[in-house]
Amino acid sequence: MRKSLATLIILATAALVTAPLLSAPLPAAARDSPIADPVPALNRHAHKLTSVEANSPSHDLRAFTQMIGNAGVVGVGEATHSSHEFFAFKHKLFRTLVEERGFTVFSLEIAWSSGLRLNEYVLNGKGDPSRILREEFVLWNTEEHLALVKWMRAHNATHARKVIFSGNDATYAGAEVFRPLLRTSHPVSSQYSQLYADLRPATTNVETWMNAYLARPDSQREATATKAARAYSALARSSKDRWLLQQARVIMQTTRLLAFRFSDPAEEPRAMRYRDQAMAANTAWWYQQTGRKVLLSAHNGHVGYVPDNSAAYPKIQGQFLRDALGRRYVNAGFTFDHGTFNARHRDTGQWGVFSAGPSEPGSNEHTLDRVRYDAYYLDLRTLPAPATRWFHQQRPTKNIGLTWPEPLYQVALAPNYNLLIHLHNTNPATLRPPLPATALSGRAVR
């Protein structure tokens, strides 16, 4: 996150359980032997994706749905933040998981209150989804996401088991979060009335609100965070209403996250850790508190188990979800050989369509692209030992956030992901106007 970016996310704590199975551990003899070319094994074990398009038949996902087992939360990454194929695949996968595996929640790294606003349309047909995406989604304001929410609305119009759109970020707390707290007759609501006066957004544009809020003095933001924490604690001591408590916690998380001093380089990694912890807890909340199964959509650098940039992101969402859910959390990373995508230029802050690849020899993608399919997926936990050893080695890998150009990151795929999806090429997602105007700082953002 940067001061100009309206995208962060939320947390709550959960009991620790046994960590999930990742790729098979390597025997000592395998660790010491030369690394064999994994492509012959991958040709045998890869499952072809006939199409990643949202409305394509789902028969090519049959093995994928078996690989996730009994997971309650499935995290699916993306190697850029704005490629058509990544978004379309998640739409297709969510539709399949809803129809065949009982999933009902699509969780995205937007503010919790933004998700509530959009969910009013998904559940009840209230509001204009085009306007909501324009005001609240920043880079995710795409035709691909609009198609997803319209499908969700159409599904709910004809099915008793409703699907839900959820935001899991803590960057913004809109009126939708405060409304149930102010409507309650609980005595603590007076504390929220006072807090709401301080936080009430003067605009429905998330990025505009965030920039203004972060311009407040550090002491003022810290005081607001303290007030929100006290109000949450008071409510938690006297109420068992899970939904009410979750809204109060989101307000507490938002004010705490935005109380970090982002001008201090030492403070920012702590803020990013808090953000990912919050995102994980808000995602896990649906499964733990309601039993609903969740498809989590986020960047590779959030769904994984190992940070590719630990200096900026000390601990990431996938690690927190593994701590909270154990084997009930399964993730899938995305790789691609070459393609185009939307991003902001690292130096100028201007939006544009950029390209990356073809992949260089020695990179993860260069080898993965030699497999016989243009689009396929693998279960990294069940590969034979020689291929498993290859996947345990760190290699240059494209993990592109909101800014470009970005350096390649050193990533070992097997410790990071349970499943891997590889595409030969990508195209930019279809952005919907207007684009956010504020320029980003020069560092990589997810």
Protein backbone atom coordinates (compact mmCIF):
# COMPACT_ATOMS: atom_id res chain seq x y z
CA MET A 1 0.00 0.00 0.00
CA ARG A 2 1.06 3.55 -0.63
CA LYS A 3 -0.52 6.81 0.55
CA SER A 4 -2.31 7.24 -2.77
CA LEU A 5 -3.61 3.68 -3.06
CA ALA A 6 -7.09 2.83 -1.76
CA THR A 7 -6.51 -0.87 -1.26
CA LEU A 8 -5.59 -2.62 2.08
CA ILE A 9 -7.29 -5.33 4.17
CA ILE A 10 -8.30 -6.76 7.61
CA LEU A 11 -7.61 -9.12 10.54
CA ALA A 12 -8.80 -10.96 13.55
CA THR A 13 -7.12 -13.72 15.52
CA ALA A 14 -7.90 -17.43 15.19
CA ALA A 15 -6.76 -20.59 16.94
CA LEU A 16 -3.63 -22.24 15.57
CA VAL A 17 -4.00 -25.67 13.99
CA THR A 18 -1.66 -28.07 12.27
CA ALA A 19 0.01 -26.63 9.17
CA PRO A 20 -1.21 -28.03 5.84
CA LEU A 21 0.69 -30.39 3.61
CA LEU A 22 2.76 -28.52 1.06
CA SER A 23 4.92 -30.30 -1.48
CA ALA A 24 6.41 -33.58 -0.30
CA PRO A 25 9.55 -33.06 1.83
CA LEU A 26 12.75 -33.95 0.04
CA PRO A 27 14.79 -36.96 1.21
CA ALA A 28 18.44 -36.16 1.92
CA ALA A 29 19.61 -38.15 -1.12
CA ALA A 30 17.31 -36.15 -3.39
CA ARG A 31 18.53 -32.85 -1.93
CA ASP A 32 22.14 -33.78 -2.73
CA SER A 33 21.59 -35.22 -6.22
CA PRO A 34 21.79 -33.16 -9.45
CA ILE A 35 18.56 -31.39 -10.40
CA ALA A 36 16.90 -33.21 -13.28
CA ASP A 37 14.87 -31.53 -16.00
CA PRO A 38 11.30 -31.60 -14.60
CA VAL A 39 9.52 -31.18 -17.93
CA PRO A 40 9.05 -34.91 -18.72
CA ALA A 41 7.37 -35.39 -15.33
CA LEU A 42 5.31 -32.24 -15.77
CA ASN A 43 4.08 -33.45 -19.16
CA ARG A 44 2.71 -36.53 -17.39
CA HIS A 45 1.20 -34.75 -14.40
CA ALA A 46 -0.09 -31.47 -15.89
CA HIS A 47 -3.83 -31.05 -16.36
CA LYS A 48 -4.76 -29.12 -19.49
CA LEU A 49 -6.92 -26.03 -19.23
CA THR A 50 -9.03 -25.98 -22.36
CA SER A 51 -10.14 -22.42 -21.67
CA VAL A 52 -9.83 -19.89 -18.87
CA GLU A 53 -12.83 -17.87 -20.07
CA ALA A 54 -15.54 -17.30 -17.49
CA ASN A 55 -18.39 -18.97 -19.37
CA SER A 56 -16.44 -21.90 -20.80
CA PRO A 57 -17.36 -25.49 -19.81
CA SER A 58 -15.95 -26.58 -16.47
CA HIS A 59 -14.95 -30.15 -17.32
CA ASP A 60 -11.27 -29.13 -17.44
CA LEU A 61 -11.48 -28.14 -13.76
CA ARG A 62 -12.58 -31.58 -12.57
CA ALA A 63 -9.11 -32.49 -11.31
CA PHE A 64 -8.66 -29.02 -9.77
CA THR A 65 -11.79 -29.37 -7.65
CA GLN A 66 -10.49 -32.74 -6.42
CA MET A 67 -7.09 -31.26 -5.56
CA ILE A 68 -8.58 -28.72 -3.14
CA GLY A 69 -10.06 -31.54 -1.05
CA ASN A 70 -12.10 -30.32 1.92
CA ALA A 71 -10.67 -26.81 1.96
CA GLY A 72 -12.90 -24.13 3.41
CA VAL A 73 -10.88 -21.30 1.88
CA VAL A 74 -9.16 -21.55 -1.51
CA GLY A 75 -6.75 -18.72 -2.30
CA VAL A 76 -6.07 -18.09 -5.99
CA GLY A 77 -3.30 -15.66 -6.87
CA GLU A 78 -2.41 -13.57 -9.88
CA ALA A 79 1.00 -12.72 -11.27
CA THR A 80 -0.16 -9.24 -12.32
CA HIS A 81 -2.93 -7.14 -10.83
CA SER A 82 -4.72 -6.54 -14.11
CA SER A 83 -4.63 -9.37 -16.66
CA HIS A 84 -7.80 -10.62 -18.28
CA GLU A 85 -6.96 -14.31 -18.01
CA PHE A 86 -6.39 -14.26 -14.24
CA PHE A 87 -9.71 -12.55 -13.57
CA ALA A 88 -11.64 -14.68 -16.07
CA PHE A 89 -10.23 -17.91 -14.62
CA LYS A 90 -11.31 -16.95 -11.10
CA HIS A 91 -14.82 -16.24 -12.37
CA LYS A 92 -14.92 -19.65 -14.03
CA LEU A 93 -13.50 -21.37 -10.95
CA PHE A 94 -15.91 -19.64 -8.58
CA ARG A 95 -18.88 -20.59 -10.75
CA THR A 96 -17.65 -24.19 -10.74
CA LEU A 97 -17.06 -24.27 -6.99
CA VAL A 98 -20.52 -22.78 -6.36
CA GLU A 99 -22.26 -25.28 -8.61
CA GLU A 100 -20.27 -28.37 -7.68
CA ARG A 101 -18.64 -27.87 -4.26
CA GLY A 102 -20.97 -25.63 -2.26
CA PHE A 103 -18.82 -22.48 -2.16
CA THR A 104 -20.75 -19.26 -1.57
CA VAL A 105 -18.29 -16.41 -0.86
CA PHE A 106 -16.05 -14.56 -3.31
CA SER A 107 -13.53 -12.53 -1.31
CA LEU A 108 -11.44 -9.77 -2.93
CA GLU A 109 -8.79 -7.40 -1.57
CA ILE A 110 -11.05 -4.37 -1.43
CA ALA A 111 -12.37 -2.69 1.70
CA TRP A 112 -14.87 -4.66 3.79
CA SER A 113 -17.41 -1.84 3.45
CA SER A 114 -16.95 -1.78 -0.33
CA GLY A 115 -17.83 -5.46 -0.36
CA LEU A 116 -20.94 -4.78 1.72
CA ARG A 117 -22.05 -2.11 -0.71
CA LEU A 118 -21.61 -4.38 -3.71
CA ASN A 119 -23.19 -7.30 -1.88
CA GLU A 120 -26.44 -5.34 -1.60
CA TYR A 121 -26.62 -5.58 -5.36
CA VAL A 122 -25.55 -9.23 -5.47
CA LEU A 123 -28.13 -10.27 -2.86
CA ASN A 124 -30.99 -7.85 -3.38
CA GLY A 125 -30.43 -6.06 -6.68
CA LYS A 126 -29.95 -2.70 -4.91
CA GLY A 127 -27.57 -0.14 -6.35
CA ASP A 128 -25.71 0.25 -9.62
CA PRO A 129 -22.76 -2.17 -9.84
CA SER A 130 -21.08 -0.04 -12.51
CA ARG A 131 -21.05 2.95 -10.18
CA ILE A 132 -19.92 0.91 -7.19
CA LEU A 133 -16.98 -0.51 -9.11
CA ARG A 134 -16.06 2.95 -10.35
CA GLU A 135 -16.10 4.49 -6.87
CA GLU A 136 -14.67 1.66 -4.78
CA PHE A 137 -12.60 -0.76 -6.86
CA VAL A 138 -9.63 1.29 -8.17
CA LEU A 139 -7.67 -1.12 -10.45
CA TRP A 140 -10.30 -3.85 -10.09
CA ASN A 141 -12.86 -1.64 -11.85
CA THR A 142 -12.87 -3.92 -14.89
CA GLU A 143 -15.36 -5.49 -17.25
CA GLU A 144 -14.22 -8.86 -15.91
CA HIS A 145 -15.28 -8.03 -12.35
CA LEU A 146 -18.52 -6.46 -13.54
CA ALA A 147 -19.32 -9.70 -15.39
CA LEU A 148 -18.62 -11.67 -12.19
CA VAL A 149 -20.95 -9.62 -9.99
CA LYS A 150 -23.69 -9.70 -12.63
CA TRP A 151 -23.37 -13.49 -12.75
CA MET A 152 -23.61 -13.60 -8.96
CA ARG A 153 -26.77 -11.49 -9.05
CA ALA A 154 -28.31 -13.71 -11.74
CA HIS A 155 -27.44 -16.80 -9.71
CA ASN A 156 -29.08 -15.39 -6.58
CA ALA A 157 -32.23 -14.53 -8.49
CA THR A 158 -32.83 -18.21 -9.24
CA HIS A 159 -31.19 -20.14 -6.37
CA ALA A 160 -32.08 -20.57 -2.71
CA ARG A 161 -28.44 -20.87 -1.65
CA LYS A 162 -27.16 -17.32 -2.09
CA VAL A 163 -23.65 -16.31 -3.06
CA ILE A 164 -21.91 -13.39 -1.37
CA PHE A 165 -19.37 -10.82 -2.51
CA SER A 166 -16.99 -9.86 0.28
CA GLY A 167 -14.17 -7.36 0.63
CA ASN A 168 -11.49 -8.29 3.13
CA ASP A 169 -9.35 -5.16 3.30
CA ALA A 170 -9.06 -2.62 6.10
CA THR A 171 -8.12 0.47 4.12
CA TYR A 172 -11.50 2.17 4.32
CA ALA A 173 -14.61 2.09 6.48
CA GLY A 174 -17.67 3.39 4.68
CA ALA A 175 -21.18 4.02 5.92
CA GLU A 176 -22.16 0.38 5.36
CA VAL A 177 -19.95 -0.71 8.27
CA PHE A 178 -21.30 1.87 10.69
CA ARG A 179 -24.97 1.44 9.82
CA PRO A 180 -25.70 -1.75 11.82
CA LEU A 181 -23.80 -0.38 14.83
CA LEU A 182 -25.78 2.87 14.85
CA ARG A 183 -29.08 1.06 14.42
CA THR A 184 -28.58 -1.19 17.43
CA SER A 185 -30.11 -0.30 20.78
CA HIS A 186 -26.93 -1.44 22.51
CA PRO A 187 -25.59 1.27 24.89
CA VAL A 188 -22.17 1.20 23.23
CA SER A 189 -23.67 2.63 20.05
CA SER A 190 -23.17 6.11 21.48
CA GLN A 191 -19.41 5.55 21.29
CA TYR A 192 -19.75 4.69 17.62
CA SER A 193 -21.83 7.82 17.02
CA GLN A 194 -18.92 9.90 18.26
CA LEU A 195 -16.43 7.88 16.25
CA TYR A 196 -18.58 8.04 13.13
CA ALA A 197 -18.55 11.83 13.25
CA ASP A 198 -14.77 11.69 12.99
CA LEU A 199 -14.58 9.00 10.32
CA ARG A 200 -17.66 9.62 8.17
CA PRO A 201 -16.45 9.77 4.55
CA ALA A 202 -17.15 13.03 2.78
CA THR A 203 -16.89 11.15 -0.53
CA THR A 204 -17.73 7.69 -1.80
CA ASN A 205 -14.45 7.62 -3.74
CA VAL A 206 -12.19 5.38 -1.67
CA GLU A 207 -8.90 6.72 -2.97
CA THR A 208 -9.87 10.35 -2.38
CA TRP A 209 -10.94 9.55 1.18
CA MET A 210 -7.77 7.61 1.96
CA ASN A 211 -5.48 10.35 0.71
CA ALA A 212 -7.29 12.93 2.86
CA TYR A 213 -7.32 10.70 5.94
CA LEU A 214 -3.61 9.90 5.68
CA ALA A 215 -2.88 13.63 5.46
CA ARG A 216 -4.16 14.08 9.02
CA PRO A 217 -1.53 14.50 11.76
CA ASP A 218 -0.11 11.27 13.16
CA SER A 219 -1.42 12.11 16.63
CA GLN A 220 -4.96 12.54 15.33
CA ARG A 221 -4.93 9.21 13.50
CA GLU A 222 -3.51 7.49 16.59
CA ALA A 223 -6.22 9.00 18.80
CA THR A 224 -8.94 7.80 16.44
CA ALA A 225 -7.47 4.28 16.43
CA THR A 226 -7.46 4.24 20.23
CA LYS A 227 -11.07 5.36 20.33
CA ALA A 228 -12.11 2.65 17.87
CA ALA A 229 -10.30 -0.03 19.88
CA ARG A 230 -12.05 1.03 23.07
CA ALA A 231 -15.44 0.98 21.40
CA TYR A 232 -14.79 -2.52 20.02
CA SER A 233 -13.64 -3.80 23.42
CA ALA A 234 -16.74 -2.41 25.10
CA LEU A 235 -18.99 -4.09 22.56
CA ALA A 236 -17.12 -7.40 22.76
CA ARG A 237 -17.60 -7.52 26.54
CA SER A 238 -21.35 -7.14 26.31
CA SER A 239 -22.55 -8.53 22.97
CA LYS A 240 -22.48 -11.94 21.30
CA ASP A 241 -23.78 -10.66 17.98
CA ARG A 242 -21.11 -11.96 15.58
CA TRP A 243 -22.10 -9.69 12.70
CA LEU A 244 -22.14 -6.58 14.88
CA LEU A 245 -18.76 -7.45 16.38
CA GLN A 246 -17.26 -7.99 12.94
CA GLN A 247 -18.31 -4.52 11.80
CA ALA A 248 -16.81 -2.99 14.93
CA ARG A 249 -13.62 -4.93 14.41
CA VAL A 250 -13.34 -3.70 10.82
CA ILE A 251 -13.54 -0.10 12.05
CA MET A 252 -10.88 -0.85 14.64
CA GLN A 253 -8.66 -2.47 12.02
CA THR A 254 -9.06 0.36 9.54
CA THR A 255 -8.17 3.05 12.04
CA ARG A 256 -5.24 1.02 13.36
CA LEU A 257 -3.88 0.33 9.89
CA LEU A 258 -4.13 3.97 8.86
CA ALA A 259 -2.51 5.09 12.12
CA PHE A 260 0.84 3.67 10.99
CA ARG A 261 3.36 6.32 9.97
CA PHE A 262 3.87 5.50 6.31
CA SER A 263 6.46 8.23 5.95
CA ASP A 264 8.76 6.18 8.18
CA PRO A 265 10.48 3.40 6.16
CA ALA A 266 10.77 1.27 9.30
CA GLU A 267 7.04 1.56 9.99
CA GLU A 268 5.75 0.52 6.59
CA PRO A 269 6.67 -3.21 6.79
CA ARG A 270 4.83 -3.41 10.12
CA ALA A 271 1.80 -1.85 8.45
CA MET A 272 1.96 -4.35 5.60
CA ARG A 273 2.16 -7.23 8.05
CA TYR A 274 -0.86 -5.87 9.90
CA ARG A 275 -2.74 -5.47 6.64
CA ASP A 276 -2.14 -9.07 5.54
CA GLN A 277 -3.04 -10.34 9.00
CA ALA A 278 -6.28 -8.39 8.83
CA MET A 279 -7.10 -9.63 5.33
CA ALA A 280 -6.58 -13.21 6.45
CA ALA A 281 -8.81 -12.88 9.49
CA ASN A 282 -11.64 -11.22 7.59
CA THR A 283 -11.48 -13.92 4.94
CA ALA A 284 -11.37 -16.71 7.52
CA TRP A 285 -14.26 -15.10 9.44
CA TRP A 286 -16.78 -16.27 6.86
CA TYR A 287 -15.70 -19.88 7.11
CA GLN A 288 -15.12 -19.97 10.86
CA GLN A 289 -18.20 -18.01 11.93
CA THR A 290 -20.74 -18.96 9.27
CA GLY A 291 -19.43 -22.20 7.72
CA ARG A 292 -19.45 -20.65 4.24
CA LYS A 293 -16.69 -21.77 1.87
CA VAL A 294 -14.63 -18.97 0.35
CA LEU A 295 -12.74 -18.37 -2.87
CA LEU A 296 -10.11 -15.75 -2.05
CA SER A 297 -8.84 -13.64 -4.97
CA ALA A 298 -5.57 -11.81 -4.35
CA HIS A 299 -2.06 -11.32 -5.68
CA ASN A 300 0.40 -14.22 -5.61
CA GLY A 301 2.26 -12.19 -3.01
CA HIS A 302 -0.74 -12.37 -0.67
CA VAL A 303 -2.10 -15.93 -1.13
CA GLY A 304 1.32 -17.63 -0.84
CA TYR A 305 3.14 -19.00 2.18
CA VAL A 306 6.55 -17.37 1.66
CA PRO A 307 7.05 -13.62 1.06
CA ASP A 308 9.02 -12.91 -2.10
CA ASN A 309 10.00 -9.54 -0.61
CA SER A 310 10.25 -10.09 3.15
CA ALA A 311 11.70 -6.63 3.75
CA ALA A 312 8.46 -5.01 2.56
CA TYR A 313 6.03 -7.83 3.46
CA PRO A 314 7.34 -9.64 6.58
CA LYS A 315 4.41 -12.09 6.80
CA ILE A 316 1.67 -12.51 4.22
CA GLN A 317 -1.99 -13.42 4.15
CA GLY A 318 -1.45 -17.03 3.11
CA GLN A 319 0.79 -17.63 6.11
CA PHE A 320 -1.82 -16.20 8.47
CA LEU A 321 -4.55 -18.32 6.84
CA ARG A 322 -2.41 -21.43 7.20
CA ASP A 323 -1.93 -20.59 10.90
CA ALA A 324 -5.68 -20.12 11.34
CA LEU A 325 -7.11 -22.89 9.15
CA GLY A 326 -4.38 -25.47 8.64
CA ARG A 327 -5.34 -27.93 5.90
CA ARG A 328 -8.63 -26.10 5.40
CA TYR A 329 -6.67 -23.48 3.49
CA VAL A 330 -5.37 -24.42 0.04
CA ASN A 331 -3.76 -22.02 -2.39
CA ALA A 332 -2.90 -21.80 -6.07
CA GLY A 333 -0.31 -19.51 -7.60
CA PHE A 334 -0.28 -18.20 -11.17
CA THR A 335 2.68 -17.98 -13.56
CA PHE A 336 2.87 -16.85 -17.19
CA ASP A 337 5.56 -16.80 -19.83
CA HIS A 338 4.79 -13.48 -21.51
CA GLY A 339 1.92 -11.07 -21.91
CA THR A 340 0.43 -7.64 -21.49
CA PHE A 341 -1.28 -6.10 -18.46
CA ASN A 342 -2.46 -2.79 -16.98
CA ALA A 343 -0.26 -1.00 -14.47
CA ARG A 344 1.03 2.39 -13.41
CA HIS A 345 4.47 3.43 -14.50
CA ARG A 346 6.89 3.22 -11.62
CA ASP A 347 8.29 6.74 -12.18
CA THR A 348 5.46 8.77 -13.71
CA GLY A 349 2.42 7.19 -12.05
CA GLN A 350 0.64 7.12 -15.41
CA TRP A 351 -1.64 4.24 -16.34
CA GLY A 352 -0.70 2.17 -19.35
CA VAL A 353 -0.60 -1.25 -20.97
CA PHE A 354 2.78 -2.86 -20.43
CA SER A 355 4.36 -6.13 -21.51
CA ALA A 356 6.67 -8.66 -19.85
CA GLY A 357 8.53 -11.66 -21.22
CA PRO A 358 9.23 -13.94 -22.99
CA SER A 359 10.80 -15.46 -19.91
CA GLU A 360 14.56 -15.66 -19.61
CA PRO A 361 16.38 -18.99 -19.40
CA GLY A 362 16.89 -19.92 -15.76
CA SER A 363 13.55 -18.48 -14.65
CA ASN A 364 10.68 -20.59 -13.33
CA GLU A 365 8.47 -19.57 -16.23
CA HIS A 366 10.99 -20.50 -18.92
CA THR A 367 10.91 -24.15 -17.83
CA LEU A 368 7.19 -24.20 -17.08
CA ASP A 369 6.46 -22.91 -20.57
CA ARG A 370 8.15 -25.95 -22.13
CA VAL A 371 5.33 -28.20 -20.93
CA ARG A 372 3.17 -29.44 -23.79
CA TYR A 373 0.07 -27.38 -22.88
CA ASP A 374 -0.33 -23.63 -23.33
CA ALA A 375 -2.49 -23.52 -20.19
CA TYR A 376 -2.43 -26.11 -17.42
CA TYR A 377 -2.35 -26.70 -13.66
CA LEU A 378 -0.38 -28.94 -11.32
CA ASP A 379 -0.63 -30.27 -7.79
CA LEU A 380 2.84 -29.46 -6.43
CA ARG A 381 2.28 -31.74 -3.42
CA THR A 382 2.09 -34.95 -5.44
CA LEU A 383 4.84 -34.61 -8.04
CA PRO A 384 7.59 -37.26 -8.20
CA ALA A 385 10.77 -36.52 -6.25
CA PRO A 386 12.97 -35.21 -9.12
CA ALA A 387 10.36 -32.65 -10.16
CA THR A 388 9.66 -31.78 -6.54
CA ARG A 389 13.33 -30.97 -6.04
CA TRP A 390 13.26 -28.60 -9.00
CA PHE A 391 10.28 -26.77 -7.54
CA HIS A 392 12.09 -26.27 -4.22
CA GLN A 393 14.80 -24.15 -5.85
CA GLN A 394 14.53 -20.36 -5.92
CA ARG A 395 14.50 -18.86 -9.41
CA PRO A 396 13.65 -15.49 -10.97
CA THR A 397 9.86 -15.17 -11.22
CA LYS A 398 7.40 -12.51 -12.40
CA ASN A 399 5.22 -11.26 -9.53
CA ILE A 400 3.98 -7.91 -10.82
CA GLY A 401 1.93 -5.58 -8.61
CA LEU A 402 0.37 -2.25 -9.49
CA THR A 403 3.56 -0.62 -10.74
CA TRP A 404 5.87 -1.36 -13.66
CA PRO A 405 8.71 -1.92 -14.28
CA GLU A 406 9.39 -4.26 -11.36
CA PRO A 407 12.33 -6.55 -10.69
CA LEU A 408 11.97 -10.31 -10.93
CA TYR A 409 11.68 -11.95 -7.53
CA GLN A 410 13.50 -15.06 -6.34
CA VAL A 411 10.73 -17.60 -5.71
CA ALA A 412 10.72 -21.29 -4.85
CA LEU A 413 7.30 -22.45 -6.04
CA ALA A 414 6.82 -25.66 -4.01
CA PRO A 415 7.16 -24.09 -0.54
CA ASN A 416 4.88 -21.24 -1.64
CA TYR A 417 1.88 -22.92 -3.27
CA ASN A 418 -0.12 -26.13 -3.08
CA LEU A 419 -1.27 -25.84 -6.71
CA LEU A 420 0.20 -23.99 -9.67
CA ILE A 421 -1.53 -22.63 -12.77
CA HIS A 422 0.61 -21.69 -15.78
CA LEU A 423 -0.40 -19.72 -18.87
CA HIS A 424 1.62 -19.21 -22.04
CA ASN A 425 0.46 -15.62 -22.45
CA THR A 426 -1.87 -12.98 -21.00
CA ASN A 427 -3.74 -9.89 -22.16
CA PRO A 428 -4.74 -6.76 -20.22
CA ALA A 429 -8.01 -6.70 -18.33
CA THR A 430 -10.60 -4.29 -19.70
CA LEU A 431 -10.48 -1.24 -17.44
CA ARG A 432 -13.66 0.78 -17.06
CA PRO A 433 -13.47 4.60 -16.91
CA PRO A 434 -12.64 6.75 -15.14
CA LEU A 435 -9.19 5.67 -14.02
CA PRO A 436 -7.89 6.86 -10.64
CA ALA A 437 -5.75 9.94 -11.17
CA THR A 438 -3.38 9.95 -8.19
CA ALA A 439 0.19 8.92 -8.90
CA LEU A 440 1.85 6.16 -6.91
CA SER A 441 5.20 6.40 -5.25
CA GLY A 442 8.11 4.63 -6.92
CA ARG A 443 7.97 1.34 -5.03
CA ALA A 444 6.14 -1.84 -5.97
CA VAL A 445 2.58 -2.07 -4.64
CA ARG A 446 0.22 -5.00 -4.24
